[in-house]
Each structure stands twice: as C-alpha cells, then as structure tokens.
Amino acid sequence: MEFCPTCGNLLRYEGGGNSRFFCSTCPYVAYIERQVEIKKKQLLVKKAIEPVVSKEDIPTAAETEAPCPRCGHDKAYFKSMQIRSADEPESRFYRCLKCEFTWREE
C-alpha cells in the first residue's frame, strides 16, 4: 500500500504501459519506472513434527477399555491433557496394549 504524500489518502494503482499510482483526491501521480526483481530464492524446509505425547508417557498411564481402531483390541492405556485453550475440552490419548497404536479422542 502506498499513501499520497500530499493529502495522505490511499493511492490507487493503474496498470498498463505506464504503470502508476495516483491519488483520487488531489492531482498527485507517481509513475512506476521498474519492476521488482527477485534476487535470491530460498527453499522452505518443513519442520519436524514433535509428538504431544511420547511413547514413554502413555505406558505409565491408567488402563481402560477402549477399542483400538487398528487391531480391535479392547484395552488401552490413556492419558488426558489440555492441549488447546482453556475453554476447549481436554484431549485423551490412547495406546493399544496389543499393537501399541496411539490415537486421540477429543
């Protein structure tokens, strides 16, 4: 965004052969003489995802009856945590006793 140095209003853009910014209130006009060049490109690198609950946390937790979505076993360890804002419900993390699959219920 560019603003008019004379009256402070937002300048409007007009493209075409003579690209320019102009003020709709006063006679100010700023011609665009050259295009922006990208000098250096930078590759974005994905960050590694850190688990909220590690493998070491859940096996020390309480045991409950919860069907595993992967193998169907009916027992799992669970741990409850508040991972979002305080007005949201807590999340429960489960780990199957048989296949060690971990899932989350909110």
Protein backbone atom coordinates (compact mmCIF):
# COMPACT_ATOMS: atom_id res chain seq x y z
CA MET A 1 0.00 0.00 0.00
CA GLU A 2 1.16 3.45 -0.87
CA PHE A 3 -0.17 6.70 0.52
CA CYS A 4 -0.29 10.16 -1.04
CA PRO A 5 2.46 12.40 0.38
CA THR A 6 0.25 15.47 -0.22
CA CYS A 7 -3.09 14.54 1.37
CA GLY A 8 -2.46 11.10 2.99
CA ASN A 9 -5.15 9.18 1.08
CA LEU A 10 -4.53 5.66 -0.19
CA LEU A 11 -3.10 5.74 -3.70
CA ARG A 12 -4.85 3.74 -6.43
CA TYR A 13 -2.97 1.58 -8.92
CA GLU A 14 -3.36 1.80 -12.67
CA GLY A 15 -1.55 -0.80 -14.76
CA GLY A 16 -0.79 -0.97 -18.44
CA GLY A 17 2.03 0.56 -20.49
CA ASN A 18 2.68 3.35 -17.99
CA SER A 19 2.02 1.78 -14.61
CA ARG A 20 1.36 4.37 -11.96
CA PHE A 21 -0.06 5.15 -8.55
CA PHE A 22 -2.46 8.09 -8.45
CA CYS A 23 -4.46 9.92 -5.82
CA SER A 24 -8.21 10.10 -6.35
CA THR A 25 -8.47 13.32 -4.29
CA CYS A 26 -5.58 15.51 -5.44
CA PRO A 27 -3.51 15.59 -8.67
CA TYR A 28 -0.56 13.53 -7.27
CA VAL A 29 0.77 10.84 -9.64
CA ALA A 30 3.78 8.50 -9.13
CA TYR A 31 4.92 6.56 -12.19
CA ILE A 32 6.41 3.11 -11.66
CA GLU A 33 9.66 3.00 -13.61
CA ARG A 34 10.95 -0.51 -12.99
CA GLN A 35 9.63 -3.85 -11.87
CA VAL A 36 10.68 -5.60 -8.68
CA GLU A 37 13.28 -8.32 -9.23
CA ILE A 38 13.69 -11.37 -7.04
CA LYS A 39 17.39 -11.65 -6.38
CA LYS A 40 17.51 -14.79 -4.28
CA LYS A 41 15.12 -17.69 -3.88
CA GLN A 42 15.04 -19.56 -0.62
CA LEU A 43 13.72 -23.08 -0.25
CA LEU A 44 11.35 -23.68 2.63
CA VAL A 45 12.18 -26.57 4.90
CA LYS A 46 9.45 -28.41 6.76
CA LYS A 47 9.91 -28.62 10.50
CA ALA A 48 9.84 -31.99 12.17
CA ILE A 49 6.58 -32.73 13.95
CA GLU A 50 7.05 -33.24 17.64
CA PRO A 51 4.56 -35.61 19.26
CA VAL A 52 2.42 -34.13 22.03
CA VAL A 53 2.59 -37.37 23.96
CA SER A 54 5.67 -39.56 23.71
CA LYS A 55 5.81 -43.36 23.87
CA GLU A 56 7.23 -43.10 27.38
CA ASP A 57 4.27 -41.06 28.70
CA ILE A 58 1.37 -43.38 27.93
CA PRO A 59 2.51 -46.80 29.26
CA THR A 60 2.77 -45.32 32.76
CA ALA A 61 -0.80 -44.02 32.49
CA ALA A 62 -4.04 -45.66 33.59
CA GLU A 63 -5.61 -48.59 31.75
CA THR A 64 -9.15 -48.52 30.35
CA GLU A 65 -11.49 -50.33 28.00
CA ALA A 66 -11.26 -48.63 24.61
CA PRO A 67 -11.42 -50.45 21.25
CA CYS A 68 -8.31 -49.99 19.12
CA PRO A 69 -9.13 -48.59 15.66
CA ARG A 70 -6.30 -50.63 14.10
CA CYS A 71 -6.48 -54.12 15.62
CA GLY A 72 -9.78 -54.07 17.56
CA HIS A 73 -8.22 -54.99 20.93
CA ASP A 74 -10.45 -53.71 23.74
CA LYS A 75 -7.86 -52.46 26.29
CA ALA A 76 -5.61 -49.42 26.12
CA TYR A 77 -3.55 -47.06 28.27
CA PHE A 78 -4.85 -43.49 28.33
CA LYS A 79 -3.76 -40.02 29.39
CA SER A 80 -5.78 -36.78 29.41
CA MET A 81 -4.16 -33.46 28.56
CA GLN A 82 -5.29 -29.88 27.94
CA ILE A 83 -3.51 -29.06 24.66
CA ARG A 84 -5.75 -26.26 23.38
CA SER A 85 -7.21 -23.18 25.06
CA ALA A 86 -8.85 -23.48 28.47
CA ASP A 87 -12.39 -23.14 27.13
CA GLU A 88 -11.94 -26.22 24.89
CA PRO A 89 -12.38 -29.77 26.21
CA GLU A 90 -9.30 -31.80 27.10
CA SER A 91 -7.90 -34.40 24.71
CA ARG A 92 -7.50 -38.07 25.61
CA PHE A 93 -4.60 -40.03 24.17
CA TYR A 94 -4.82 -43.82 23.98
CA ARG A 95 -2.23 -46.53 23.28
CA CYS A 96 -3.33 -50.08 22.49
CA LEU A 97 -1.94 -52.74 24.82
CA LYS A 98 -1.66 -55.23 21.95
CA CYS A 99 -0.33 -53.38 18.86
CA GLU A 100 0.86 -50.13 20.57
CA PHE A 101 -1.10 -47.95 18.11
CA THR A 102 -1.65 -44.44 19.51
CA TRP A 103 -4.78 -42.37 18.79
CA ARG A 104 -6.53 -39.33 20.18
CA GLU A 105 -10.11 -38.53 21.15
CA GLU A 106 -11.27 -35.00 21.87
